[in-house]
């Protein structure tokens, strides 16, 4: 197993979650992001390939996003490049029974 890791705020920036790394760090600091089901408020949390990141809705109408880390980024590239850093684990919100 590789010991390679990347800071959570940096990875979120490369994955284009927010426009700046500072904004990504601020989002993490609020404590609503989870890594492998564990809440974290530390932007320097070590993120490794295979980890599962749960992101809260960041804007109105957005759903919770659950992503599995496929790769650690090297730069903030275009959206197509960013989407190769993760796979969507859960895309649709759970429907409530009527």
Protein backbone atom coordinates (compact mmCIF):
# COMPACT_ATOMS: atom_id res chain seq x y z
CA UNK A 1 0.00 0.00 0.00
CA UNK A 2 1.27 3.43 -0.91
CA UNK A 3 1.98 6.03 1.76
CA UNK A 4 1.12 8.82 -0.68
CA UNK A 5 -1.37 11.36 0.60
CA UNK A 6 -2.57 14.87 -0.10
CA UNK A 7 -4.05 17.55 2.13
CA UNK A 8 -7.85 17.49 2.03
CA UNK A 9 -8.16 21.21 1.21
CA UNK A 10 -5.69 20.89 -1.66
CA UNK A 11 -7.45 17.84 -3.10
CA UNK A 12 -10.84 19.59 -2.91
CA UNK A 13 -9.32 22.55 -4.75
CA UNK A 14 -7.93 20.28 -7.48
CA UNK A 15 -11.33 18.53 -7.70
CA UNK A 16 -12.89 21.97 -8.30
CA UNK A 17 -15.18 21.95 -5.26
CA UNK A 18 -14.51 25.68 -4.75
CA UNK A 19 -12.71 28.43 -6.66
CA UNK A 20 -9.84 28.91 -4.20
CA UNK A 21 -7.86 26.73 -1.84
CA UNK A 22 -8.64 29.13 1.00
CA UNK A 23 -12.35 28.64 0.37
CA UNK A 24 -11.84 24.85 0.38
CA UNK A 25 -10.01 25.14 3.73
CA UNK A 26 -12.88 27.26 5.08
CA UNK A 27 -15.44 24.66 4.00
CA UNK A 28 -13.45 21.92 5.76
CA UNK A 29 -13.03 24.07 8.90
CA UNK A 30 -16.81 24.19 9.34
CA UNK A 31 -16.66 20.46 10.19
CA UNK A 32 -19.33 19.27 7.76
CA UNK A 33 -17.06 17.23 5.49
CA UNK A 34 -16.47 13.58 6.32
CA UNK A 35 -13.56 11.38 5.31
CA UNK A 36 -14.33 7.66 5.63
CA UNK A 37 -17.46 8.54 7.63
CA UNK A 38 -15.43 10.52 10.19
CA UNK A 39 -16.20 14.25 10.43
CA UNK A 40 -13.16 16.48 10.10
CA UNK A 41 -12.57 20.18 10.57
CA UNK A 42 -8.86 20.07 9.74
CA UNK A 43 -7.88 21.26 6.24
CA UNK A 44 -4.59 19.35 6.61
CA UNK A 45 -6.36 15.98 6.99
CA UNK A 46 -4.42 13.35 5.00
CA UNK A 47 -6.40 12.06 2.05
CA UNK A 48 -5.36 8.85 0.30
CA UNK A 49 -6.52 6.97 -2.79
CA UNK A 50 -9.53 4.84 -1.83
CA UNK A 51 -10.82 7.23 0.85
CA UNK A 52 -14.49 8.20 0.70
CA UNK A 53 -15.27 11.92 0.99
CA UNK A 54 -18.78 13.10 1.88
CA UNK A 55 -19.51 16.71 0.92
CA UNK A 56 -22.51 18.65 2.27
CA UNK A 57 -24.71 20.72 -0.03
CA UNK A 58 -22.66 23.85 -0.74
CA UNK A 59 -25.40 25.78 -2.53
CA UNK A 60 -29.22 25.74 -2.47
CA UNK A 61 -30.75 22.82 -4.34
CA UNK A 62 -27.55 20.78 -4.23
CA UNK A 63 -27.55 17.29 -2.72
CA UNK A 64 -25.01 15.59 -0.49
CA UNK A 65 -22.17 14.22 -2.62
CA UNK A 66 -20.26 11.04 -1.78
CA UNK A 67 -17.03 10.49 -3.71
CA UNK A 68 -14.32 7.81 -3.66
CA UNK A 69 -10.83 9.20 -4.25
CA UNK A 70 -9.29 7.62 -7.37
CA UNK A 71 -6.20 9.80 -7.68
CA UNK A 72 -4.31 12.57 -5.95
CA UNK A 73 -4.20 15.71 -8.05
CA UNK A 74 -1.10 17.44 -9.33
CA UNK A 75 -2.76 20.68 -10.38
CA UNK A 76 -6.11 22.42 -10.74
CA UNK A 77 -6.95 21.59 -14.31
CA UNK A 78 -10.14 21.72 -16.37
CA UNK A 79 -13.34 20.12 -15.09
CA UNK A 80 -12.81 16.97 -17.17
CA UNK A 81 -9.40 16.43 -15.55
CA UNK A 82 -10.81 17.17 -12.09
CA UNK A 83 -13.59 14.59 -12.52
CA UNK A 84 -10.95 11.88 -12.96
CA UNK A 85 -9.82 12.38 -9.35
CA UNK A 86 -12.97 10.73 -7.96
CA UNK A 87 -15.86 8.41 -8.67
CA UNK A 88 -19.37 9.12 -7.52
CA UNK A 89 -20.46 6.64 -4.87
CA UNK A 90 -23.93 8.06 -4.34
CA UNK A 91 -25.39 10.34 -6.97
CA UNK A 92 -29.05 10.68 -6.11
CA UNK A 93 -30.58 11.61 -2.76
CA UNK A 94 -32.44 8.87 -0.92
CA UNK A 95 -36.15 9.09 -1.61
CA UNK A 96 -38.51 9.09 1.34
CA UNK A 97 -41.26 6.49 1.26
CA UNK A 98 -44.70 8.00 0.56
